[in-house]
C-alpha atoms as a PDB file:
ATOM      1  CA  MET A   1    -140.419  65.077-148.320  1.00  0.00           C
ATOM      2  CA  LYS A   2    -136.974  65.174-146.625  1.00  0.00           C
ATOM      3  CA  THR A   3    -135.068  61.842-146.878  1.00  0.00           C
ATOM      4  CA  THR A   4    -131.639  61.261-145.674  1.00  0.00           C
ATOM      5  CA  PHE A   5    -129.407  58.401-146.512  1.00  0.00           C
ATOM      6  CA  THR A   6    -126.413  56.917-144.754  1.00  0.00           C
ATOM      7  CA  ASN A   7    -124.317  54.022-145.845  1.00  0.00           C
ATOM      8  CA  SER A   8    -121.495  52.352-143.729  1.00  0.00           C
ATOM      9  CA  LYS A   9    -119.624  49.109-144.279  1.00  0.00           C
ATOM     10  CA  ALA A  10    -118.811  46.823-141.401  1.00  0.00           C
ATOM     11  CA  SER A  11    -116.789  43.715-141.978  1.00  0.00           C
ATOM     12  CA  THR A  12    -118.719  40.617-140.826  1.00  0.00           C
ATOM     13  CA  GLY A  13    -116.281  37.814-141.785  1.00  0.00           C
ATOM     14  CA  LYS A  14    -114.306  36.103-144.296  1.00  0.00           C
ATOM     15  CA  TYR A  15    -116.659  36.133-147.269  1.00  0.00           C
ATOM     16  CA  SER A  16    -118.926  39.042-147.238  1.00  0.00           C
ATOM     17  CA  ASP A  17    -119.396  42.621-145.998  1.00  0.00           C
ATOM     18  CA  ARG A  18    -122.620  44.049-144.367  1.00  0.00           C
ATOM     19  CA  TYR A  19    -123.884  47.254-145.443  1.00  0.00           C
ATOM     20  CA  LEU A  20    -126.143  49.354-143.214  1.00  0.00           C
ATOM     21  CA  ALA A  21    -128.381  51.945-144.417  1.00  0.00           C
ATOM     22  CA  SER A  22    -130.924  54.208-142.742  1.00  0.00           C
ATOM     23  CA  PHE A  23    -133.568  56.609-144.290  1.00  0.00           C
ATOM     24  CA  LEU A  24    -135.545  59.338-142.652  1.00  0.00           C
ATOM     25  CA  ILE A  25    -139.139  59.061-144.045  1.00  0.00           C
ATOM     26  CA  ASN A  26    -141.386  62.118-143.386  1.00  0.00           C
ATOM     27  CA  LEU A  27    -144.385  59.919-142.729  1.00  0.00           C
ATOM     28  CA  PRO A  28    -146.230  58.925-139.544  1.00  0.00           C
ATOM     29  CA  ALA A  29    -145.646  55.283-138.528  1.00  0.00           C
ATOM     30  CA  GLU A  30    -149.336  54.517-138.519  1.00  0.00           C
ATOM     31  CA  HIS A  31    -149.359  55.106-142.367  1.00  0.00           C
ATOM     32  CA  ILE A  32    -146.636  52.377-142.938  1.00  0.00           C
ATOM     33  CA  ASP A  33    -148.063  48.931-143.477  1.00  0.00           C
ATOM     34  CA  LEU A  34    -145.111  46.441-143.669  1.00  0.00           C
ATOM     35  CA  GLY A  35    -147.519  43.547-143.997  1.00  0.00           C
ATOM     36  CA  LYS A  36    -149.098  45.046-147.072  1.00  0.00           C
ATOM     37  CA  TRP A  37    -145.673  46.029-148.493  1.00  0.00           C
ATOM     38  CA  PHE A  38    -144.273  42.493-147.988  1.00  0.00           C
ATOM     39  CA  THR A  39    -147.454  40.422-149.164  1.00  0.00           C
ATOM     40  CA  GLU A  40    -147.991  42.722-152.255  1.00  0.00           C
ATOM     41  CA  MET A  41    -144.442  42.977-153.444  1.00  0.00           C
ATOM     42  CA  LYS A  42    -143.891  41.881-156.977  1.00  0.00           C
ATOM     43  CA  GLU A  43    -140.598  40.333-158.361  1.00  0.00           C
ATOM     44  CA  THR A  44    -139.876  43.613-160.306  1.00  0.00           C
ATOM     45  CA  ASP A  45    -139.964  45.556-157.131  1.00  0.00           C
ATOM     46  CA  TYR A  46    -137.769  43.180-155.187  1.00  0.00           C
ATOM     47  CA  THR A  47    -135.142  43.025-158.044  1.00  0.00           C
ATOM     48  CA  SER A  48    -135.027  46.766-158.220  1.00  0.00           C
ATOM     49  CA  TYR A  49    -134.039  47.237-154.586  1.00  0.00           C
ATOM     50  CA  SER A  50    -130.498  45.835-155.050  1.00  0.00           C
ATOM     51  CA  PRO A  51    -128.325  44.331-157.723  1.00  0.00           C
ATOM     52  CA  ALA A  52    -127.793  41.515-155.493  1.00  0.00           C
ATOM     53  CA  HIS A  53    -131.536  40.456-155.627  1.00  0.00           C
ATOM     54  CA  ILE A  54    -132.054  37.908-158.185  1.00  0.00           C
ATOM     55  CA  ALA A  55    -135.633  36.621-157.935  1.00  0.00           C
ATOM     56  CA  MET A  56    -138.474  36.216-155.389  1.00  0.00           C
ATOM     57  CA  SER A  57    -142.037  34.855-155.275  1.00  0.00           C
ATOM     58  CA  SER A  58    -144.679  34.365-152.752  1.00  0.00           C
ATOM     59  CA  TYR A  59    -148.105  32.978-152.464  1.00  0.00           C
ATOM     60  CA  PHE A  60    -150.979  32.311-149.957  1.00  0.00           C
ATOM     61  CA  THR A  61    -152.595  29.145-148.855  1.00  0.00           C
ATOM     62  CA  GLY A  62    -155.395  30.192-146.648  1.00  0.00           C
ATOM     63  CA  GLU A  63    -153.672  32.602-144.098  1.00  0.00           C
ATOM     64  CA  THR A  64    -150.275  31.060-144.611  1.00  0.00           C
ATOM     65  CA  LEU A  65    -147.876  33.042-146.675  1.00  0.00           C
ATOM     66  CA  PHE A  66    -144.953  31.075-148.437  1.00  0.00           C
ATOM     67  CA  SER A  67    -142.162  33.301-149.749  1.00  0.00           C
ATOM     68  CA  THR A  68    -138.831  32.342-151.416  1.00  0.00           C
ATOM     69  CA  ASN A  69    -136.023  34.736-152.478  1.00  0.00           C
ATOM     70  CA  VAL A  70    -132.786  34.369-154.130  1.00  0.00           C
ATOM     71  CA  GLU A  71    -129.854  36.788-153.787  1.00  0.00           C
ATOM     72  CA  ASN A  72    -126.181  37.035-154.046  1.00  0.00           C
ATOM     73  CA  ILE A  73    -124.208  37.503-150.982  1.00  0.00           C
ATOM     74  CA  GLY A  74    -120.539  38.127-151.657  1.00  0.00           C
ATOM     75  CA  ILE A  75    -119.432  35.290-153.896  1.00  0.00           C
ATOM     76  CA  ASP A  76    -122.271  32.947-152.801  1.00  0.00           C
ATOM     77  CA  GLN A  77    -125.903  32.707-153.963  1.00  0.00           C
ATOM     78  CA  ILE A  78    -128.425  31.977-151.236  1.00  0.00           C
ATOM     79  CA  VAL A  79    -132.100  30.851-151.518  1.00  0.00           C
ATOM     80  CA  GLN A  80    -134.188  31.761-148.415  1.00  0.00           C
ATOM     81  CA  HIS A  81    -137.720  30.237-147.765  1.00  0.00           C
ATOM     82  CA  TYR A  82    -140.145  31.904-145.409  1.00  0.00           C
ATOM     83  CA  THR A  83    -143.523  30.686-143.996  1.00  0.00           C
ATOM     84  CA  MET A  84    -145.631  32.911-141.985  1.00  0.00           C
ATOM     85  CA  GLN A  85    -149.233  33.028-140.598  1.00  0.00           C
ATOM     86  CA  TYR A  86    -150.791  36.308-141.748  1.00  0.00           C
ATOM     87  CA  SER A  87    -154.226  37.513-140.569  1.00  0.00           C
ATOM     88  CA  PHE A  88    -156.116  39.960-142.799  1.00  0.00           C
END
Protein backbone atom coordinates (compact mmCIF):
# COMPACT_ATOMS: atom_id res chain seq x y z
CA MET A 1 0.00 0.00 0.00
CA LYS A 2 1.34 3.43 -0.92
CA THR A 3 0.89 6.04 1.78
CA THR A 4 1.96 9.67 1.63
CA PHE A 5 2.10 12.13 4.48
CA THR A 6 2.39 15.88 4.47
CA ASN A 7 2.52 18.12 7.49
CA SER A 8 2.26 21.89 7.43
CA LYS A 9 2.00 24.41 10.23
CA ALA A 10 -0.35 27.38 9.94
CA SER A 11 -0.68 30.00 12.67
CA THR A 12 -4.25 30.27 13.96
CA GLY A 13 -3.83 32.75 16.77
CA LYS A 14 -2.15 33.75 19.98
CA TYR A 15 -2.23 30.44 21.86
CA SER A 16 -2.04 27.54 19.43
CA ASP A 17 -0.89 26.38 16.03
CA ARG A 18 -2.88 24.14 13.75
CA TYR A 19 -1.25 21.21 12.03
CA LEU A 20 -2.70 19.91 8.81
CA ALA A 21 -1.95 16.39 7.70
CA SER A 22 -3.05 14.40 4.69
CA PHE A 23 -2.61 10.76 3.84
CA LEU A 24 -3.13 8.87 0.61
CA ILE A 25 -4.86 5.59 1.43
CA ASN A 26 -4.87 2.95 -1.26
CA LEU A 27 -8.38 1.74 -0.44
CA PRO A 28 -11.74 2.33 -2.13
CA ALA A 29 -13.94 4.81 -0.24
CA GLU A 30 -16.74 2.25 0.13
CA HIS A 31 -14.41 0.17 2.33
CA ILE A 32 -13.97 3.01 4.83
CA ASP A 33 -16.61 3.06 7.58
CA LEU A 34 -16.06 6.17 9.70
CA GLY A 35 -19.12 5.42 11.83
CA LYS A 36 -17.74 2.02 12.79
CA TRP A 37 -14.27 3.48 13.38
CA PHE A 38 -15.64 6.20 15.67
CA THR A 39 -18.09 4.04 17.62
CA GLU A 40 -15.63 1.18 18.18
CA MET A 41 -12.57 3.31 19.03
CA LYS A 42 -10.96 2.42 22.34
CA GLU A 43 -9.19 4.86 24.63
CA THR A 44 -5.85 3.19 23.87
CA ASP A 45 -6.42 3.85 20.15
CA TYR A 46 -7.34 7.50 20.74
CA THR A 47 -4.35 8.23 22.96
CA SER A 48 -1.98 6.55 20.49
CA TYR A 49 -2.95 8.96 17.67
CA SER A 50 -1.35 12.03 19.28
CA PRO A 51 0.61 12.90 22.43
CA ALA A 52 -1.97 15.68 22.95
CA HIS A 53 -4.78 13.14 23.36
CA ILE A 54 -5.25 12.50 27.09
CA ALA A 55 -8.41 10.40 27.39
CA MET A 56 -11.73 9.54 25.76
CA SER A 57 -14.80 7.47 26.41
CA SER A 58 -18.10 6.81 24.68
CA TYR A 59 -21.29 4.87 25.29
CA PHE A 60 -24.67 4.27 23.70
CA THR A 61 -28.12 4.77 25.14
CA GLY A 62 -30.44 3.32 22.54
CA GLU A 63 -29.38 4.90 19.25
CA THR A 64 -27.74 7.92 20.90
CA LEU A 65 -23.96 7.96 21.17
CA PHE A 66 -22.38 10.03 23.93
CA SER A 67 -18.67 10.71 23.63
CA THR A 68 -16.17 12.77 25.61
CA ASN A 69 -12.54 13.44 24.84
CA VAL A 70 -9.79 15.32 26.70
CA GLU A 71 -6.81 16.80 24.90
CA ASN A 72 -4.12 19.43 25.21
CA ILE A 73 -4.30 22.34 22.78
CA GLY A 74 -1.16 24.43 23.17
CA ILE A 75 -0.97 25.30 26.87
CA ASP A 76 -4.68 24.62 27.48
CA GLN A 77 -6.53 21.41 28.21
CA ILE A 78 -9.98 21.03 26.68
CA VAL A 79 -12.84 18.63 27.27
CA GLN A 80 -15.21 18.05 24.35
CA HIS A 81 -18.63 16.40 24.66
CA TYR A 82 -20.48 14.96 21.65
CA THR A 83 -23.99 13.60 21.35
CA MET A 84 -25.16 12.10 18.10
CA GLN A 85 -27.98 9.96 16.78
CA TYR A 86 -26.66 6.80 15.19
CA SER A 87 -28.57 4.22 13.17
CA PHE A 88 -27.25 0.71 12.90
